[in-house]
PDB file of all heavy atoms in Angstrom:
ATOM      1  N   TYR A   1      -6.289  -4.725  -5.007  1.00  0.00           N
ATOM      2  CA  TYR A   1      -5.624  -5.853  -5.664  1.00  0.00           C
ATOM      3  C   TYR A   1      -4.316  -5.420  -6.318  1.00  0.00           C
ATOM      4  O   TYR A   1      -4.198  -4.304  -6.826  1.00  0.00           O
ATOM      5  CB  TYR A   1      -6.526  -6.466  -6.744  1.00  0.00           C
ATOM      6  CG  TYR A   1      -7.756  -7.149  -6.206  1.00  0.00           C
ATOM      7  CD1 TYR A   1      -8.961  -6.462  -6.115  1.00  0.00           C
ATOM      8  CD2 TYR A   1      -7.707  -8.474  -5.787  1.00  0.00           C
ATOM      9  CE1 TYR A   1     -10.100  -7.087  -5.622  1.00  0.00           C
ATOM     10  CE2 TYR A   1      -8.843  -9.101  -5.285  1.00  0.00           C
ATOM     11  CZ  TYR A   1     -10.031  -8.406  -5.206  1.00  0.00           C
ATOM     12  OH  TYR A   1     -11.160  -9.021  -4.711  1.00  0.00           O
ATOM     13  N   ASP A   2      -3.369  -6.347  -6.326  1.00  0.00           N
ATOM     14  CA  ASP A   2      -2.144  -6.188  -7.093  1.00  0.00           C
ATOM     15  C   ASP A   2      -2.350  -6.916  -8.415  1.00  0.00           C
ATOM     16  O   ASP A   2      -2.448  -8.145  -8.443  1.00  0.00           O
ATOM     17  CB  ASP A   2      -0.945  -6.764  -6.334  1.00  0.00           C
ATOM     18  CG  ASP A   2       0.383  -6.443  -7.007  1.00  0.00           C
ATOM     19  OD1 ASP A   2       0.414  -6.340  -8.251  1.00  0.00           O
ATOM     20  OD2 ASP A   2       1.382  -6.304  -6.293  1.00  0.00           O
ATOM     21  N   LYS A   3      -2.430  -6.167  -9.519  1.00  0.00           N
ATOM     22  CA  LYS A   3      -2.722  -6.763 -10.821  1.00  0.00           C
ATOM     23  C   LYS A   3      -1.593  -7.677 -11.302  1.00  0.00           C
ATOM     24  O   LYS A   3      -1.815  -8.547 -12.145  1.00  0.00           O
ATOM     25  CB  LYS A   3      -2.966  -5.660 -11.856  1.00  0.00           C
ATOM     26  CG  LYS A   3      -4.186  -4.789 -11.552  1.00  0.00           C
ATOM     27  CD  LYS A   3      -5.470  -5.552 -11.671  1.00  0.00           C
ATOM     28  CE  LYS A   3      -5.811  -5.806 -13.116  1.00  0.00           C
ATOM     29  NZ  LYS A   3      -7.111  -6.490 -13.291  1.00  0.00           N
ATOM     30  N   ARG A   4      -0.390  -7.482 -10.765  1.00  0.00           N
ATOM     31  CA  ARG A   4       0.716  -8.342 -11.192  1.00  0.00           C
ATOM     32  C   ARG A   4       0.541  -9.766 -10.695  1.00  0.00           C
ATOM     33  O   ARG A   4       0.912 -10.730 -11.367  1.00  0.00           O
ATOM     34  CB  ARG A   4       2.042  -7.771 -10.670  1.00  0.00           C
ATOM     35  CG  ARG A   4       2.404  -6.401 -11.238  1.00  0.00           C
ATOM     36  CD  ARG A   4       3.564  -5.798 -10.496  1.00  0.00           C
ATOM     37  NE  ARG A   4       3.266  -5.612  -9.080  1.00  0.00           N
ATOM     38  CZ  ARG A   4       4.110  -5.082  -8.187  1.00  0.00           C
ATOM     39  NH1 ARG A   4       5.310  -4.698  -8.580  1.00  0.00           N
ATOM     40  NH2 ARG A   4       3.755  -4.946  -6.925  1.00  0.00           N
ATOM     41  N   THR A   5      -0.021  -9.912  -9.500  1.00  0.00           N
ATOM     42  CA  THR A   5      -0.167 -11.236  -8.902  1.00  0.00           C
ATOM     43  C   THR A   5      -1.616 -11.706  -8.868  1.00  0.00           C
ATOM     44  O   THR A   5      -1.881 -12.893  -8.673  1.00  0.00           O
ATOM     45  CB  THR A   5       0.369 -11.223  -7.463  1.00  0.00           C
ATOM     46  OG1 THR A   5      -0.432 -10.322  -6.669  1.00  0.00           O
ATOM     47  CG2 THR A   5       1.823 -10.746  -7.424  1.00  0.00           C
ATOM     48  N   GLY A   6      -2.551 -10.749  -9.018  1.00  0.00           N
ATOM     49  CA  GLY A   6      -3.962 -11.092  -8.911  1.00  0.00           C
ATOM     50  C   GLY A   6      -4.411 -11.294  -7.479  1.00  0.00           C
ATOM     51  O   GLY A   6      -5.527 -11.750  -7.237  1.00  0.00           O
ATOM     52  N   GLU A   7      -3.559 -10.952  -6.529  1.00  0.00           N
ATOM     53  CA  GLU A   7      -3.871 -11.176  -5.121  1.00  0.00           C
ATOM     54  C   GLU A   7      -4.348  -9.889  -4.441  1.00  0.00           C
ATOM     55  O   GLU A   7      -3.940  -8.792  -4.821  1.00  0.00           O
ATOM     56  CB  GLU A   7      -2.638 -11.724  -4.390  1.00  0.00           C
ATOM     57  CG  GLU A   7      -2.206 -13.096  -4.882  1.00  0.00           C
ATOM     58  CD  GLU A   7      -0.982 -13.609  -4.129  1.00  0.00           C
ATOM     59  OE1 GLU A   7      -0.444 -12.859  -3.295  1.00  0.00           O
ATOM     60  OE2 GLU A   7      -0.590 -14.758  -4.379  1.00  0.00           O
ATOM     61  N   GLU A   8      -5.174 -10.074  -3.430  1.00  0.00           N
ATOM     62  CA  GLU A   8      -5.656  -8.937  -2.654  1.00  0.00           C
ATOM     63  C   GLU A   8      -4.558  -8.450  -1.718  1.00  0.00           C
ATOM     64  O   GLU A   8      -3.814  -9.242  -1.130  1.00  0.00           O
ATOM     65  CB  GLU A   8      -6.890  -9.338  -1.841  1.00  0.00           C
ATOM     66  CG  GLU A   8      -7.469  -8.177  -1.038  1.00  0.00           C
ATOM     67  CD  GLU A   8      -8.721  -8.548  -0.264  1.00  0.00           C
ATOM     68  OE1 GLU A   8      -9.211  -9.705  -0.435  1.00  0.00           O
ATOM     69  OE2 GLU A   8      -9.201  -7.712   0.520  1.00  0.00           O
ATOM     70  N   ILE A   9      -4.465  -7.143  -1.595  1.00  0.00           N
ATOM     71  CA  ILE A   9      -3.539  -6.525  -0.642  1.00  0.00           C
ATOM     72  C   ILE A   9      -4.340  -6.189   0.613  1.00  0.00           C
ATOM     73  O   ILE A   9      -5.312  -5.431   0.553  1.00  0.00           O
ATOM     74  CB  ILE A   9      -2.904  -5.250  -1.229  1.00  0.00           C
ATOM     75  CG1 ILE A   9      -2.098  -5.589  -2.485  1.00  0.00           C
ATOM     76  CG2 ILE A   9      -2.030  -4.553  -0.195  1.00  0.00           C
ATOM     77  CD1 ILE A   9      -1.586  -4.361  -3.213  1.00  0.00           C
ATOM     78  N   LEU A  10      -3.968  -6.757   1.713  1.00  0.00           N
ATOM     79  CA  LEU A  10      -4.703  -6.544   2.956  1.00  0.00           C
ATOM     80  C   LEU A  10      -4.189  -5.294   3.665  1.00  0.00           C
ATOM     81  O   LEU A  10      -3.005  -5.177   3.976  1.00  0.00           O
ATOM     82  CB  LEU A  10      -4.551  -7.763   3.868  1.00  0.00           C
ATOM     83  CG  LEU A  10      -5.099  -9.076   3.286  1.00  0.00           C
ATOM     84  CD1 LEU A  10      -4.857 -10.228   4.257  1.00  0.00           C
ATOM     85  CD2 LEU A  10      -6.589  -8.958   2.964  1.00  0.00           C
ATOM     86  N   LEU A  11      -5.100  -4.364   3.902  1.00  0.00           N
ATOM     87  CA  LEU A  11      -4.763  -3.121   4.583  1.00  0.00           C
ATOM     88  C   LEU A  11      -5.363  -3.114   5.978  1.00  0.00           C
ATOM     89  O   LEU A  11      -6.412  -3.713   6.224  1.00  0.00           O
ATOM     90  CB  LEU A  11      -5.308  -1.917   3.800  1.00  0.00           C
ATOM     91  CG  LEU A  11      -4.872  -1.758   2.341  1.00  0.00           C
ATOM     92  CD1 LEU A  11      -5.519  -0.512   1.750  1.00  0.00           C
ATOM     93  CD2 LEU A  11      -3.360  -1.695   2.224  1.00  0.00           C
ATOM     94  N   THR A  12      -4.707  -2.420   6.896  1.00  0.00           N
ATOM     95  CA  THR A  12      -5.291  -2.199   8.212  1.00  0.00           C
ATOM     96  C   THR A  12      -6.420  -1.184   8.079  1.00  0.00           C
ATOM     97  O   THR A  12      -6.568  -0.524   7.040  1.00  0.00           O
ATOM     98  CB  THR A  12      -4.240  -1.671   9.200  1.00  0.00           C
ATOM     99  OG1 THR A  12      -3.846  -0.348   8.791  1.00  0.00           O
ATOM    100  CG2 THR A  12      -3.029  -2.578   9.253  1.00  0.00           C
ATOM    101  N   GLY A  13      -7.190  -1.035   9.123  1.00  0.00           N
ATOM    102  CA  GLY A  13      -8.302  -0.087   9.095  1.00  0.00           C
ATOM    103  C   GLY A  13      -7.862   1.325   8.762  1.00  0.00           C
ATOM    104  O   GLY A  13      -8.456   1.996   7.912  1.00  0.00           O
ATOM    105  N   LYS A  14      -6.810   1.799   9.409  1.00  0.00           N
ATOM    106  CA  LYS A  14      -6.337   3.159   9.186  1.00  0.00           C
ATOM    107  C   LYS A  14      -5.726   3.313   7.798  1.00  0.00           C
ATOM    108  O   LYS A  14      -5.910   4.342   7.142  1.00  0.00           O
ATOM    109  CB  LYS A  14      -5.323   3.565  10.257  1.00  0.00           C
ATOM    110  CG  LYS A  14      -5.915   3.756  11.641  1.00  0.00           C
ATOM    111  CD  LYS A  14      -6.999   4.833  11.653  1.00  0.00           C
ATOM    112  CE  LYS A  14      -7.542   5.057  13.053  1.00  0.00           C
ATOM    113  NZ  LYS A  14      -8.736   5.941  13.056  1.00  0.00           N
ATOM    114  N   GLN A  15      -5.000   2.299   7.348  1.00  0.00           N
ATOM    115  CA  GLN A  15      -4.430   2.367   5.999  1.00  0.00           C
ATOM    116  C   GLN A  15      -5.544   2.479   4.957  1.00  0.00           C
ATOM    117  O   GLN A  15      -5.456   3.255   4.007  1.00  0.00           O
ATOM    118  CB  GLN A  15      -3.577   1.128   5.730  1.00  0.00           C
ATOM    119  CG  GLN A  15      -2.283   1.084   6.529  1.00  0.00           C
ATOM    120  CD  GLN A  15      -1.612  -0.280   6.476  1.00  0.00           C
ATOM    121  OE1 GLN A  15      -2.095  -1.207   5.824  1.00  0.00           O
ATOM    122  NE2 GLN A  15      -0.496  -0.417   7.174  1.00  0.00           N
ATOM    123  N   HIS A  16      -6.604   1.704   5.159  1.00  0.00           N
ATOM    124  CA  HIS A  16      -7.738   1.744   4.241  1.00  0.00           C
ATOM    125  C   HIS A  16      -8.411   3.124   4.272  1.00  0.00           C
ATOM    126  O   HIS A  16      -8.755   3.687   3.214  1.00  0.00           O
ATOM    127  CB  HIS A  16      -8.749   0.662   4.614  1.00  0.00           C
ATOM    128  CG  HIS A  16      -9.924   0.595   3.698  1.00  0.00           C
ATOM    129  ND1 HIS A  16      -9.885  -0.043   2.476  1.00  0.00           N
ATOM    130  CD2 HIS A  16     -11.167   1.116   3.806  1.00  0.00           C
ATOM    131  CE1 HIS A  16     -11.059   0.077   1.889  1.00  0.00           C
ATOM    132  NE2 HIS A  16     -11.853   0.773   2.679  1.00  0.00           N
ATOM    133  N   GLN A  17      -8.598   3.685   5.461  1.00  0.00           N
ATOM    134  CA  GLN A  17      -9.221   5.003   5.581  1.00  0.00           C
ATOM    135  C   GLN A  17      -8.378   6.074   4.898  1.00  0.00           C
ATOM    136  O   GLN A  17      -8.915   6.972   4.234  1.00  0.00           O
ATOM    137  CB  GLN A  17      -9.407   5.355   7.061  1.00  0.00           C
ATOM    138  CG  GLN A  17     -10.527   4.593   7.742  1.00  0.00           C
ATOM    139  CD  GLN A  17     -10.636   4.970   9.210  1.00  0.00           C
ATOM    140  OE1 GLN A  17     -10.072   4.334  10.086  1.00  0.00           O
ATOM    141  NE2 GLN A  17     -11.333   6.047   9.473  1.00  0.00           N
ATOM    142  N   ILE A  18      -7.072   5.999   5.062  1.00  0.00           N
ATOM    143  CA  ILE A  18      -6.184   6.978   4.427  1.00  0.00           C
ATOM    144  C   ILE A  18      -6.297   6.885   2.912  1.00  0.00           C
ATOM    145  O   ILE A  18      -6.432   7.899   2.220  1.00  0.00           O
ATOM    146  CB  ILE A  18      -4.722   6.763   4.880  1.00  0.00           C
ATOM    147  CG1 ILE A  18      -4.573   7.109   6.362  1.00  0.00           C
ATOM    148  CG2 ILE A  18      -3.765   7.614   4.036  1.00  0.00           C
ATOM    149  CD1 ILE A  18      -3.246   6.672   6.959  1.00  0.00           C
ATOM    150  N   LEU A  19      -6.254   5.660   2.380  1.00  0.00           N
ATOM    151  CA  LEU A  19      -6.344   5.479   0.935  1.00  0.00           C
ATOM    152  C   LEU A  19      -7.673   5.997   0.400  1.00  0.00           C
ATOM    153  O   LEU A  19      -7.722   6.694  -0.628  1.00  0.00           O
ATOM    154  CB  LEU A  19      -6.161   4.006   0.581  1.00  0.00           C
ATOM    155  CG  LEU A  19      -6.250   3.664  -0.909  1.00  0.00           C
ATOM    156  CD1 LEU A  19      -5.211   4.423  -1.714  1.00  0.00           C
ATOM    157  CD2 LEU A  19      -6.117   2.155  -1.117  1.00  0.00           C
ATOM    158  N   MET A  20      -8.773   5.674   1.063  1.00  0.00           N
ATOM    159  CA  MET A  20     -10.083   6.123   0.613  1.00  0.00           C
ATOM    160  C   MET A  20     -10.206   7.643   0.681  1.00  0.00           C
ATOM    161  O   MET A  20     -10.863   8.269  -0.157  1.00  0.00           O
ATOM    162  CB  MET A  20     -11.196   5.472   1.455  1.00  0.00           C
ATOM    163  CG  MET A  20     -11.381   3.990   1.210  1.00  0.00           C
ATOM    164  SD  MET A  20     -11.797   3.617  -0.521  1.00  0.00           S
ATOM    165  CE  MET A  20     -10.457   2.515  -0.941  1.00  0.00           C
ATOM    166  N   TYR A  21      -9.554   8.252   1.670  1.00  0.00           N
ATOM    167  CA  TYR A  21      -9.591   9.718   1.762  1.00  0.00           C
ATOM    168  C   TYR A  21      -8.875  10.335   0.569  1.00  0.00           C
ATOM    169  O   TYR A  21      -9.345  11.309  -0.025  1.00  0.00           O
ATOM    170  CB  TYR A  21      -8.951  10.191   3.069  1.00  0.00           C
ATOM    171  CG  TYR A  21      -9.173  11.662   3.329  1.00  0.00           C
ATOM    172  CD1 TYR A  21     -10.421  12.138   3.715  1.00  0.00           C
ATOM    173  CD2 TYR A  21      -8.141  12.584   3.169  1.00  0.00           C
ATOM    174  CE1 TYR A  21     -10.639  13.487   3.939  1.00  0.00           C
ATOM    175  CE2 TYR A  21      -8.341  13.934   3.395  1.00  0.00           C
ATOM    176  CZ  TYR A  21      -9.597  14.379   3.777  1.00  0.00           C
ATOM    177  OH  TYR A  21      -9.808  15.727   3.989  1.00  0.00           O
ATOM    178  N   PHE A  22      -7.739   9.762   0.185  1.00  0.00           N
ATOM    179  CA  PHE A  22      -7.043  10.229  -1.010  1.00  0.00           C
ATOM    180  C   PHE A  22      -7.947  10.099  -2.245  1.00  0.00           C
ATOM    181  O   PHE A  22      -8.003  10.993  -3.087  1.00  0.00           O
ATOM    182  CB  PHE A  22      -5.764   9.420  -1.243  1.00  0.00           C
ATOM    183  CG  PHE A  22      -4.580   9.899  -0.461  1.00  0.00           C
ATOM    184  CD1 PHE A  22      -3.923   9.043   0.419  1.00  0.00           C
ATOM    185  CD2 PHE A  22      -4.086  11.181  -0.617  1.00  0.00           C
ATOM    186  CE1 PHE A  22      -2.815   9.468   1.135  1.00  0.00           C
ATOM    187  CE2 PHE A  22      -2.984  11.623   0.095  1.00  0.00           C
ATOM    188  CZ  PHE A  22      -2.341  10.766   0.967  1.00  0.00           C
ATOM    189  N   LEU A  23      -8.656   8.978  -2.366  1.00  0.00           N
ATOM    190  CA  LEU A  23      -9.491   8.739  -3.543  1.00  0.00           C
ATOM    191  C   LEU A  23     -10.721   9.644  -3.579  1.00  0.00           C
ATOM    192  O   LEU A  23     -11.265   9.902  -4.643  1.00  0.00           O
ATOM    193  CB  LEU A  23      -9.915   7.271  -3.604  1.00  0.00           C
ATOM    194  CG  LEU A  23      -8.782   6.262  -3.786  1.00  0.00           C
ATOM    195  CD1 LEU A  23      -9.342   4.855  -3.907  1.00  0.00           C
ATOM    196  CD2 LEU A  23      -7.923   6.606  -4.985  1.00  0.00           C
ATOM    197  N   ARG A  24     -11.150  10.116  -2.419  1.00  0.00           N
ATOM    198  CA  ARG A  24     -12.246  11.091  -2.396  1.00  0.00           C
ATOM    199  C   ARG A  24     -11.766  12.486  -2.767  1.00  0.00           C
ATOM    200  O   ARG A  24     -12.583  13.383  -3.006  1.00  0.00           O
ATOM    201  CB  ARG A  24     -12.919  11.104  -1.017  1.00  0.00           C
ATOM    202  CG  ARG A  24     -13.768   9.874  -0.733  1.00  0.00           C
ATOM    203  CD  ARG A  24     -14.691  10.095   0.453  1.00  0.00           C
ATOM    204  NE  ARG A  24     -13.975  10.328   1.682  1.00  0.00           N
ATOM    205  CZ  ARG A  24     -13.550   9.356   2.498  1.00  0.00           C
ATOM    206  NH1 ARG A  24     -13.769   8.086   2.188  1.00  0.00           N
ATOM    207  NH2 ARG A  24     -12.901   9.645   3.606  1.00  0.00           N
ATOM    208  N   HIS A  25     -10.430  12.666  -2.767  1.00  0.00           N
ATOM    209  CA  HIS A  25      -9.847  13.969  -3.109  1.00  0.00           C
ATOM    210  C   HIS A  25      -8.756  13.767  -4.159  1.00  0.00           C
ATOM    211  O   HIS A  25      -7.587  14.104  -3.949  1.00  0.00           O
ATOM    212  CB  HIS A  25      -9.266  14.639  -1.865  1.00  0.00           C
ATOM    213  CG  HIS A  25     -10.271  14.872  -0.785  1.00  0.00           C
ATOM    214  ND1 HIS A  25     -10.672  13.874   0.087  1.00  0.00           N
ATOM    215  CD2 HIS A  25     -10.986  15.970  -0.449  1.00  0.00           C
ATOM    216  CE1 HIS A  25     -11.578  14.369   0.922  1.00  0.00           C
ATOM    217  NE2 HIS A  25     -11.783  15.629   0.614  1.00  0.00           N
ATOM    218  N   PRO A  26      -9.126  13.182  -5.306  1.00  0.00           N
ATOM    219  CA  PRO A  26      -8.109  12.847  -6.300  1.00  0.00           C
ATOM    220  C   PRO A  26      -7.403  14.063  -6.847  1.00  0.00           C
ATOM    221  O   PRO A  26      -8.028  15.117  -7.046  1.00  0.00           O
ATOM    222  CB  PRO A  26      -8.926  12.148  -7.399  1.00  0.00           C
ATOM    223  CG  PRO A  26     -10.293  12.718  -7.261  1.00  0.00           C
ATOM    224  CD  PRO A  26     -10.488  12.916  -5.785  1.00  0.00           C
ATOM    225  N   ASN A  27      -6.083  13.921  -7.049  1.00  0.00           N
ATOM    226  CA  ASN A  27      -5.256  14.950  -7.672  1.00  0.00           C
ATOM    227  C   ASN A  27      -5.069  16.196  -6.807  1.00  0.00           C
ATOM    228  O   ASN A  27      -4.425  17.147  -7.246  1.00  0.00           O
ATOM    229  CB  ASN A  27      -5.830  15.364  -9.037  1.00  0.00           C
ATOM    230  CG  ASN A  27      -6.085  14.174  -9.933  1.00  0.00           C
ATOM    231  OD1 ASN A  27      -5.177  13.407 -10.219  1.00  0.00           O
ATOM    232  ND2 ASN A  27      -7.335  13.995 -10.355  1.00  0.00           N
ATOM    233  N   GLN A  28      -5.614  16.191  -5.610  1.00  0.00           N
ATOM    234  CA  GLN A  28      -5.475  17.346  -4.724  1.00  0.00           C
ATOM    235  C   GLN A  28      -4.286  17.157  -3.792  1.00  0.00           C
ATOM    236  O   GLN A  28      -4.031  16.061  -3.312  1.00  0.00           O
ATOM    237  CB  GLN A  28      -6.737  17.547  -3.881  1.00  0.00           C
ATOM    238  CG  GLN A  28      -7.976  17.875  -4.697  1.00  0.00           C
ATOM    239  CD  GLN A  28      -9.185  18.116  -3.817  1.00  0.00           C
ATOM    240  OE1 GLN A  28      -9.079  18.576  -2.692  1.00  0.00           O
ATOM    241  NE2 GLN A  28     -10.360  17.809  -4.329  1.00  0.00           N
ATOM    242  N   VAL A  29      -3.581  18.250  -3.510  1.00  0.00           N
ATOM    243  CA  VAL A  29      -2.495  18.226  -2.542  1.00  0.00           C
ATOM    244  C   VAL A  29      -3.108  18.358  -1.152  1.00  0.00           C
ATOM    245  O   VAL A  29      -3.778  19.346  -0.845  1.00  0.00           O
ATOM    246  CB  VAL A  29      -1.492  19.369  -2.790  1.00  0.00           C
ATOM    247  CG1 VAL A  29      -0.369  19.310  -1.761  1.00  0.00           C
ATOM    248  CG2 VAL A  29      -0.919  19.288  -4.195  1.00  0.00           C
ATOM    249  N   LEU A  30      -2.902  17.340  -0.316  1.00  0.00           N
ATOM    250  CA  LEU A  30      -3.529  17.296   1.005  1.00  0.00           C
ATOM    251  C   LEU A  30      -2.471  17.459   2.091  1.00  0.00           C
ATOM    252  O   LEU A  30      -1.578  16.612   2.213  1.00  0.00           O
ATOM    253  CB  LEU A  30      -4.267  15.966   1.197  1.00  0.00           C
ATOM    254  CG  LEU A  30      -5.323  15.627   0.142  1.00  0.00           C
ATOM    255  CD1 LEU A  30      -5.870  14.226   0.384  1.00  0.00           C
ATOM    256  CD2 LEU A  30      -6.443  16.652   0.153  1.00  0.00           C
ATOM    257  N   PRO A  31      -2.551  18.509   2.891  1.00  0.00           N
ATOM    258  CA  PRO A  31      -1.609  18.661   4.005  1.00  0.00           C
ATOM    259  C   PRO A  31      -1.770  17.526   5.005  1.00  0.00           C
ATOM    260  O   PRO A  31      -2.866  16.981   5.176  1.00  0.00           O
ATOM    261  CB  PRO A  31      -2.022  20.002   4.628  1.00  0.00           C
ATOM    262  CG  PRO A  31      -2.792  20.711   3.566  1.00  0.00           C
ATOM    263  CD  PRO A  31      -3.483  19.645   2.773  1.00  0.00           C
ATOM    264  N   LYS A  32      -0.692  17.182   5.693  1.00  0.00           N
ATOM    265  CA  LYS A  32      -0.746  16.074   6.660  1.00  0.00           C
ATOM    266  C   LYS A  32      -1.757  16.349   7.758  1.00  0.00           C
ATOM    267  O   LYS A  32      -2.414  15.433   8.260  1.00  0.00           O
ATOM    268  CB  LYS A  32       0.645  15.818   7.256  1.00  0.00           C
ATOM    269  CG  LYS A  32       1.251  16.950   8.036  1.00  0.00           C
ATOM    270  CD  LYS A  32       2.627  16.557   8.576  1.00  0.00           C
ATOM    271  CE  LYS A  32       3.275  17.659   9.403  1.00  0.00           C
ATOM    272  NZ  LYS A  32       3.567  18.886   8.604  1.00  0.00           N
ATOM    273  N   GLU A  33      -1.892  17.630   8.143  1.00  0.00           N
ATOM    274  CA  GLU A  33      -2.849  17.969   9.192  1.00  0.00           C
ATOM    275  C   GLU A  33      -4.272  17.629   8.771  1.00  0.00           C
ATOM    276  O   GLU A  33      -5.058  17.099   9.569  1.00  0.00           O
ATOM    277  CB  GLU A  33      -2.752  19.470   9.530  1.00  0.00           C
ATOM    278  CG  GLU A  33      -1.422  19.907  10.103  1.00  0.00           C
ATOM    279  CD  GLU A  33      -0.408  20.282   9.031  1.00  0.00           C
ATOM    280  OE1 GLU A  33      -0.681  20.059   7.820  1.00  0.00           O
ATOM    281  OE2 GLU A  33       0.658  20.792   9.384  1.00  0.00           O
ATOM    282  N   GLN A  34      -4.602  17.923   7.517  1.00  0.00           N
ATOM    283  CA  GLN A  34      -5.950  17.659   7.014  1.00  0.00           C
ATOM    284  C   GLN A  34      -6.234  16.159   6.972  1.00  0.00           C
ATOM    285  O   GLN A  34      -7.323  15.711   7.367  1.00  0.00           O
ATOM    286  CB  GLN A  34      -6.097  18.261   5.614  1.00  0.00           C
ATOM    287  CG  GLN A  34      -7.461  18.043   4.989  1.00  0.00           C
ATOM    288  CD  GLN A  34      -7.547  18.644   3.595  1.00  0.00           C
ATOM    289  OE1 GLN A  34      -6.870  19.622   3.285  1.00  0.00           O
ATOM    290  NE2 GLN A  34      -8.367  18.073   2.744  1.00  0.00           N
ATOM    291  N   ILE A  35      -5.262  15.387   6.494  1.00  0.00           N
ATOM    292  CA  ILE A  35      -5.457  13.928   6.415  1.00  0.00           C
ATOM    293  C   ILE A  35      -5.641  13.348   7.817  1.00  0.00           C
ATOM    294  O   ILE A  35      -6.550  12.549   8.066  1.00  0.00           O
ATOM    295  CB  ILE A  35      -4.256  13.262   5.722  1.00  0.00           C
ATOM    296  CG1 ILE A  35      -4.064  13.819   4.313  1.00  0.00           C
ATOM    297  CG2 ILE A  35      -4.454  11.743   5.665  1.00  0.00           C
ATOM    298  CD1 ILE A  35      -2.765  13.392   3.662  1.00  0.00           C
ATOM    299  N   TYR A  36      -4.765  13.746   8.726  1.00  0.00           N
ATOM    300  CA  TYR A  36      -4.818  13.202  10.089  1.00  0.00           C
ATOM    301  C   TYR A  36      -6.169  13.506  10.739  1.00  0.00           C
ATOM    302  O   TYR A  36      -6.814  12.621  11.315  1.00  0.00           O
ATOM    303  CB  TYR A  36      -3.687  13.792  10.933  1.00  0.00           C
ATOM    304  CG  TYR A  36      -3.672  13.278  12.350  1.00  0.00           C
ATOM    305  CD1 TYR A  36      -2.954  12.136  12.697  1.00  0.00           C
ATOM    306  CD2 TYR A  36      -4.408  13.914  13.360  1.00  0.00           C
ATOM    307  CE1 TYR A  36      -2.964  11.646  13.986  1.00  0.00           C
ATOM    308  CE2 TYR A  36      -4.422  13.429  14.648  1.00  0.00           C
ATOM    309  CZ  TYR A  36      -3.697  12.301  14.962  1.00  0.00           C
ATOM    310  OH  TYR A  36      -3.709  11.813  16.246  1.00  0.00           O
ATOM    311  N   GLU A  37      -6.601  14.757  10.656  1.00  0.00           N
ATOM    312  CA  GLU A  37      -7.835  15.148  11.336  1.00  0.00           C
ATOM    313  C   GLU A  37      -9.061  14.482  10.714  1.00  0.00           C
ATOM    314  O   GLU A  37     -10.038  14.196  11.407  1.00  0.00           O
ATOM    315  CB  GLU A  37      -7.962  16.674  11.329  1.00  0.00           C
ATOM    316  CG  GLU A  37      -6.900  17.327  12.222  1.00  0.00           C
ATOM    317  CD  GLU A  37      -6.947  18.841  12.220  1.00  0.00           C
ATOM    318  OE1 GLU A  37      -7.814  19.413  11.510  1.00  0.00           O
ATOM    319  OE2 GLU A  37      -6.120  19.461  12.907  1.00  0.00           O
ATOM    320  N   ALA A  38      -9.012  14.203   9.403  1.00  0.00           N
ATOM    321  CA  ALA A  38     -10.132  13.522   8.748  1.00  0.00           C
ATOM    322  C   ALA A  38     -10.194  12.048   9.139  1.00  0.00           C
ATOM    323  O   ALA A  38     -11.277  11.503   9.354  1.00  0.00           O
ATOM    324  CB  ALA A  38     -10.005  13.658   7.232  1.00  0.00           C
TER     325      ALA A  38
END
């Protein structure tokens, strides 16, 4: 959600997977190779 508008932000499947992968590894520096392969 965007708290400024209260509206949901629609992500594609891959965009959602990328975001969730970041959230499973918070504050960690992730090389592009690692993100892609995951």
